Amino acid sequence: MNWEDLDINTEKIESLGLDKVIYFEQFNRIAIVHHSSAIEGSTLTLEETTLLINEGITARGKSINEHLMVKDHYEALLFILERADNIISGTSTQERKITDIFLKQINALVNKNTGQIRNTVLGVCDDTKGDFRLGNVSAGTTYFVNYDKVINMVNELCTKISERLNTVKTNEEIYQLSFDAHFYLVSIYPWFDGNGRTSRLLMNYIQALYKKPLSIVFLEDKSVYIKALNDSREKDDVNIFREFMLTQHLKYFKTEISKFEKRNKGMSFLL
């Protein structure tokens, strides 16, 4: 894994001032929401997602649920970014550590308008409240941990993430922690719905805590994403997923840097 490339491109973003370009931050947020929602089934294009979030314009021929999924995801993203900003600025009394309550808050927002109240043989759980699943689940050929192990495994994960939050310093350490949190949370699969979106938002939250550019998992790479998750689980090697996520992160960096430099080069005749 070429972590040096991460440092080089991070410095490039900063030297160009790309992270300070007007509307770049908003575009980044919309792109995160678009790709993450599309991975989970939304058919809204990036342009349709942009119009929905910025102007409230709905896309013709697309379902209400798809629009609600995107809007809920965006609100959940704003929630985690605001929390990170408040902790960084010291205006919040909330601690830096990750808790099961915080994860449930994210999931509840993700499922706010599309979640269900589920009556199972083991009791009732409400997606819109971020309730952990009361039942066993599978996705494709993957079977996830039994429901009765979810609480302990989530709490153990929260403890480990929180401990590492106090020690990471370099770009490599910070991004590895965020990628690991993403991988392990989605591999526990604590909820009936919203596991992928919540895990990706947890990853973004950790990055935001250190004022780092946020990561995107691209829709066009969905099959590679799923394979990286499955391979990491089967081989018990988180480095497989780390490498995938590093590639995704660098892909976004290099694309935006290229667009920015091309636009400025193309306007040089005005000088």
Protein backbone atom coordinates (compact mmCIF):
# COMPACT_ATOMS: atom_id res chain seq x y z
CA MET A 1 0.00 0.00 0.00
CA ASN A 2 1.39 3.36 -1.05
CA TRP A 3 0.69 5.55 1.96
CA GLU A 4 3.34 8.00 0.75
CA ASP A 5 1.03 8.72 -2.18
CA LEU A 6 -1.61 9.74 0.37
CA ASP A 7 0.72 12.31 1.91
CA ILE A 8 1.76 13.63 -1.50
CA ASN A 9 -1.80 14.11 -2.71
CA THR A 10 -2.96 15.58 0.61
CA GLU A 11 -0.19 18.16 0.35
CA LYS A 12 -1.14 18.79 -3.28
CA ILE A 13 -4.78 19.48 -2.32
CA GLU A 14 -3.60 21.92 0.34
CA SER A 15 -1.02 23.65 -1.87
CA LEU A 16 -3.60 24.24 -4.60
CA GLY A 17 -6.06 25.53 -2.03
CA LEU A 18 -8.63 23.15 -3.51
CA ASP A 19 -10.12 22.46 -0.10
CA LYS A 20 -10.85 26.20 0.21
CA VAL A 21 -12.53 26.62 -3.17
CA ILE A 22 -16.07 27.98 -2.81
CA TYR A 23 -18.66 25.19 -2.93
CA PHE A 24 -16.02 22.43 -3.04
CA GLU A 25 -16.96 21.29 0.45
CA GLN A 26 -20.64 21.17 -0.48
CA PHE A 27 -19.86 19.25 -3.67
CA ASN A 28 -17.80 16.78 -1.64
CA ARG A 29 -20.70 16.21 0.75
CA ILE A 30 -23.19 15.71 -2.05
CA ALA A 31 -20.84 13.28 -3.82
CA ILE A 32 -20.47 11.26 -0.61
CA VAL A 33 -24.24 11.04 -0.20
CA HIS A 34 -24.88 10.27 -3.85
CA HIS A 35 -22.44 7.37 -4.10
CA SER A 36 -23.26 5.94 -0.67
CA SER A 37 -27.01 6.02 -1.33
CA ALA A 38 -26.58 4.61 -4.84
CA ILE A 39 -24.61 1.67 -3.45
CA GLU A 40 -27.71 0.88 -1.36
CA GLY A 41 -30.13 1.10 -4.29
CA SER A 42 -30.91 4.76 -4.99
CA THR A 43 -31.08 5.50 -8.73
CA LEU A 44 -30.77 9.28 -8.38
CA THR A 45 -27.90 10.62 -10.47
CA LEU A 46 -25.31 12.99 -9.04
CA GLU A 47 -27.08 15.88 -10.77
CA GLU A 48 -30.47 14.81 -9.38
CA THR A 49 -28.97 14.43 -5.91
CA THR A 50 -27.48 17.92 -6.17
CA LEU A 51 -30.81 19.48 -7.18
CA LEU A 52 -32.64 17.64 -4.40
CA ILE A 53 -30.23 18.71 -1.67
CA ASN A 54 -29.56 22.26 -2.84
CA GLU A 55 -32.95 23.24 -4.25
CA GLY A 56 -35.43 20.63 -3.08
CA ILE A 57 -36.22 19.61 -6.67
CA THR A 58 -37.29 15.99 -7.03
CA ALA A 59 -36.37 13.75 -9.95
CA ARG A 60 -39.14 12.74 -12.31
CA GLY A 61 -39.85 9.02 -12.38
CA LYS A 62 -37.89 8.26 -9.18
CA SER A 63 -39.58 6.85 -6.08
CA ILE A 64 -40.32 8.83 -2.93
CA ASN A 65 -38.26 6.34 -0.93
CA GLU A 66 -35.17 7.05 -3.02
CA HIS A 67 -35.52 10.78 -2.40
CA LEU A 68 -36.07 10.24 1.32
CA MET A 69 -33.05 7.93 1.51
CA VAL A 70 -30.84 10.62 0.01
CA LYS A 71 -32.20 13.41 2.19
CA ASP A 72 -31.86 11.31 5.35
CA HIS A 73 -28.31 10.38 4.43
CA TYR A 74 -27.44 14.04 3.92
CA GLU A 75 -28.90 15.01 7.30
CA ALA A 76 -26.93 12.21 8.96
CA LEU A 77 -23.75 13.48 7.28
CA LEU A 78 -24.40 17.02 8.54
CA PHE A 79 -24.97 15.59 12.03
CA ILE A 80 -21.61 13.82 12.22
CA LEU A 81 -19.74 16.78 10.71
CA GLU A 82 -21.33 19.22 13.15
CA ARG A 83 -20.44 16.96 16.06
CA ALA A 84 -16.83 16.75 14.85
CA ASP A 85 -16.63 20.53 14.41
CA ASN A 86 -18.03 21.16 17.89
CA ILE A 87 -15.55 18.78 19.49
CA ILE A 88 -12.64 20.33 17.60
CA SER A 89 -13.68 23.87 18.53
CA GLY A 90 -14.36 22.96 22.14
CA THR A 91 -17.96 24.19 21.99
CA SER A 92 -19.27 20.73 22.85
CA THR A 93 -19.07 18.85 26.13
CA GLN A 94 -19.29 15.58 24.22
CA GLU A 95 -16.24 13.38 24.42
CA ARG A 96 -14.11 12.34 21.48
CA LYS A 97 -14.79 8.66 22.16
CA ILE A 98 -17.19 6.54 20.11
CA THR A 99 -20.20 5.02 21.88
CA ASP A 100 -23.05 2.71 20.95
CA ILE A 101 -25.44 5.61 21.56
CA PHE A 102 -23.64 7.73 18.96
CA LEU A 103 -23.74 4.91 16.41
CA LYS A 104 -27.46 4.44 17.05
CA GLN A 105 -28.00 8.18 16.50
CA ILE A 106 -26.31 7.97 13.10
CA ASN A 107 -28.32 4.92 12.08
CA ALA A 108 -31.57 6.48 13.29
CA LEU A 109 -30.97 9.51 11.06
CA VAL A 110 -30.07 7.31 8.09
CA ASN A 111 -33.40 5.47 8.55
CA LYS A 112 -35.45 8.47 9.68
CA ASN A 113 -38.02 8.45 6.87
CA THR A 114 -37.51 5.02 5.34
CA GLY A 115 -37.06 2.77 8.36
CA GLN A 116 -39.53 0.23 9.67
CA ILE A 117 -40.88 -0.92 13.02
CA ARG A 118 -40.09 -4.62 13.01
CA ASN A 119 -42.09 -7.12 15.01
CA THR A 120 -39.89 -10.17 15.48
CA VAL A 121 -40.32 -13.29 17.60
CA LEU A 122 -37.71 -11.76 19.90
CA GLY A 123 -39.43 -8.40 20.30
CA VAL A 124 -39.94 -5.09 18.54
CA CYS A 125 -37.12 -2.99 17.08
CA ASP A 126 -37.52 0.38 15.42
CA ASP A 127 -35.16 1.31 12.57
CA THR A 128 -35.94 5.00 13.06
CA LYS A 129 -34.56 4.83 16.61
CA GLY A 130 -31.38 3.01 15.64
CA ASP A 131 -32.41 -0.13 17.52
CA PHE A 132 -30.03 -3.05 17.10
CA ARG A 133 -31.48 -5.99 15.20
CA LEU A 134 -33.40 -8.70 16.98
CA GLY A 135 -32.73 -11.48 14.54
CA ASN A 136 -30.02 -13.08 12.46
CA VAL A 137 -29.24 -11.82 8.96
CA SER A 138 -27.26 -12.63 5.84
CA ALA A 139 -26.33 -10.68 2.71
CA GLY A 140 -25.54 -12.67 -0.40
CA THR A 141 -23.33 -15.53 0.76
CA THR A 142 -22.28 -13.74 3.96
CA TYR A 143 -23.74 -14.66 7.35
CA PHE A 144 -23.30 -12.07 10.07
CA VAL A 145 -22.88 -12.57 13.81
CA ASN A 146 -25.84 -13.77 15.87
CA TYR A 147 -28.06 -10.96 17.13
CA ASP A 148 -27.29 -11.81 20.77
CA LYS A 149 -23.60 -10.99 20.21
CA VAL A 150 -24.20 -7.60 18.60
CA ILE A 151 -24.27 -5.44 21.74
CA ASN A 152 -21.04 -6.83 23.19
CA MET A 153 -19.23 -6.70 19.86
CA VAL A 154 -20.32 -3.11 19.18
CA ASN A 155 -19.23 -2.01 22.66
CA GLU A 156 -15.89 -3.75 22.22
CA LEU A 157 -15.41 -2.04 18.86
CA CYS A 158 -16.31 1.36 20.35
CA THR A 159 -13.71 0.87 23.09
CA LYS A 160 -10.98 -0.08 20.64
CA ILE A 161 -11.74 2.81 18.28
CA SER A 162 -11.83 5.29 21.18
CA GLU A 163 -8.47 4.08 22.46
CA ARG A 164 -6.88 4.52 19.03
CA LEU A 165 -8.43 7.99 18.65
CA ASN A 166 -6.06 9.15 21.39
CA THR A 167 -2.92 7.81 19.71
CA VAL A 168 -3.20 8.35 15.94
CA LYS A 169 -1.22 11.26 14.48
CA THR A 170 -0.05 10.68 10.91
CA ASN A 171 -2.24 10.60 7.80
CA GLU A 172 -1.63 6.86 7.55
CA GLU A 173 -2.67 6.21 11.14
CA ILE A 174 -5.78 8.39 10.93
CA TYR A 175 -7.03 6.91 7.67
CA GLN A 176 -6.24 3.36 8.74
CA LEU A 177 -8.32 3.88 11.87
CA SER A 178 -11.24 5.30 9.88
CA PHE A 179 -11.07 2.45 7.34
CA ASP A 180 -10.87 -0.12 10.14
CA ALA A 181 -13.89 1.37 11.93
CA HIS A 182 -15.83 1.19 8.65
CA PHE A 183 -14.82 -2.43 8.06
CA TYR A 184 -15.47 -3.80 11.53
CA LEU A 185 -18.80 -2.04 12.06
CA VAL A 186 -20.27 -3.18 8.74
CA SER A 187 -18.93 -6.69 9.44
CA ILE A 188 -20.83 -6.84 12.74
CA TYR A 189 -23.94 -5.65 10.90
CA PRO A 190 -25.74 -4.39 14.02
CA TRP A 191 -28.96 -3.22 12.32
CA PHE A 192 -31.55 -4.62 9.98
CA ASP A 193 -30.99 -1.66 7.64
CA GLY A 194 -28.49 1.15 7.10
CA ASN A 195 -25.34 -0.77 8.06
CA GLY A 196 -23.31 0.31 5.03
CA ARG A 197 -24.32 3.96 5.20
CA THR A 198 -23.75 4.14 8.97
CA SER A 199 -20.32 2.49 8.67
CA ARG A 200 -19.23 4.86 5.93
CA LEU A 201 -20.43 7.82 7.99
CA LEU A 202 -18.45 6.58 11.00
CA MET A 203 -15.39 6.51 8.72
CA ASN A 204 -16.10 10.09 7.60
CA TYR A 205 -16.63 11.20 11.20
CA ILE A 206 -13.19 9.99 12.28
CA GLN A 207 -11.61 11.75 9.31
CA ALA A 208 -13.52 14.94 10.14
CA LEU A 209 -12.26 14.83 13.73
CA TYR A 210 -8.77 15.34 12.35
CA LYS A 211 -9.83 17.82 9.66
CA LYS A 212 -8.91 15.41 6.90
CA PRO A 213 -10.58 15.23 3.48
CA LEU A 214 -13.47 12.77 3.58
CA SER A 215 -13.53 9.47 1.70
CA ILE A 216 -15.97 8.28 -0.94
CA VAL A 217 -16.77 4.72 -1.99
CA PHE A 218 -17.62 5.05 -5.68
CA LEU A 219 -20.75 3.43 -7.07
CA GLU A 220 -18.88 2.14 -10.11
CA ASP A 221 -16.57 0.23 -7.76
CA LYS A 222 -19.37 -1.40 -5.74
CA SER A 223 -18.46 -4.96 -6.78
CA VAL A 224 -14.80 -4.39 -5.87
CA TYR A 225 -15.92 -2.86 -2.56
CA ILE A 226 -18.00 -5.91 -1.67
CA LYS A 227 -15.19 -8.24 -2.72
CA ALA A 228 -12.70 -6.35 -0.55
CA LEU A 229 -15.05 -6.68 2.43
CA ASN A 230 -15.60 -10.38 1.82
CA ASP A 231 -11.93 -11.14 1.16
CA SER A 232 -10.87 -9.32 4.32
CA ARG A 233 -13.35 -11.35 6.36
CA GLU A 234 -12.50 -14.70 4.79
CA LYS A 235 -8.73 -14.17 5.05
CA ASP A 236 -8.96 -12.33 8.37
CA ASP A 237 -6.81 -9.58 6.90
CA VAL A 238 -8.05 -5.99 7.26
CA ASN A 239 -5.18 -4.82 5.05
CA ILE A 240 -7.16 -5.97 2.01
CA PHE A 241 -9.93 -3.53 2.84
CA ARG A 242 -7.46 -0.81 3.82
CA GLU A 243 -5.83 -1.07 0.41
CA PHE A 244 -9.18 -0.83 -1.35
CA MET A 245 -10.20 2.26 0.62
CA LEU A 246 -6.81 3.90 0.10
CA THR A 247 -7.24 3.37 -3.64
CA GLN A 248 -10.72 4.93 -3.50
CA HIS A 249 -9.45 7.91 -1.54
CA LEU A 250 -6.56 8.53 -3.92
CA LYS A 251 -8.88 8.11 -6.91
CA TYR A 252 -11.03 10.99 -5.64
CA PHE A 253 -8.01 13.16 -4.84
CA LYS A 254 -6.37 12.65 -8.23
CA THR A 255 -9.63 13.22 -10.13
CA GLU A 256 -10.31 16.52 -8.41
CA ILE A 257 -6.71 17.70 -8.68
CA SER A 258 -6.70 16.91 -12.40
CA LYS A 259 -9.99 18.76 -12.96
CA PHE A 260 -8.75 21.78 -11.03
CA GLU A 261 -5.42 21.96 -12.86
CA LYS A 262 -7.03 21.40 -16.26
CA ARG A 263 -9.53 24.21 -15.70
CA ASN A 264 -6.82 26.65 -14.64
CA LYS A 265 -4.55 25.65 -17.53
CA GLY A 266 -7.43 26.08 -19.96
CA MET A 267 -8.04 29.64 -18.77
CA SER A 268 -4.39 30.68 -19.10
CA PHE A 269 -5.09 32.55 -22.38
CA LEU A 270 -6.82 35.23 -20.30
CA LEU A 271 -3.58 36.13 -18.54
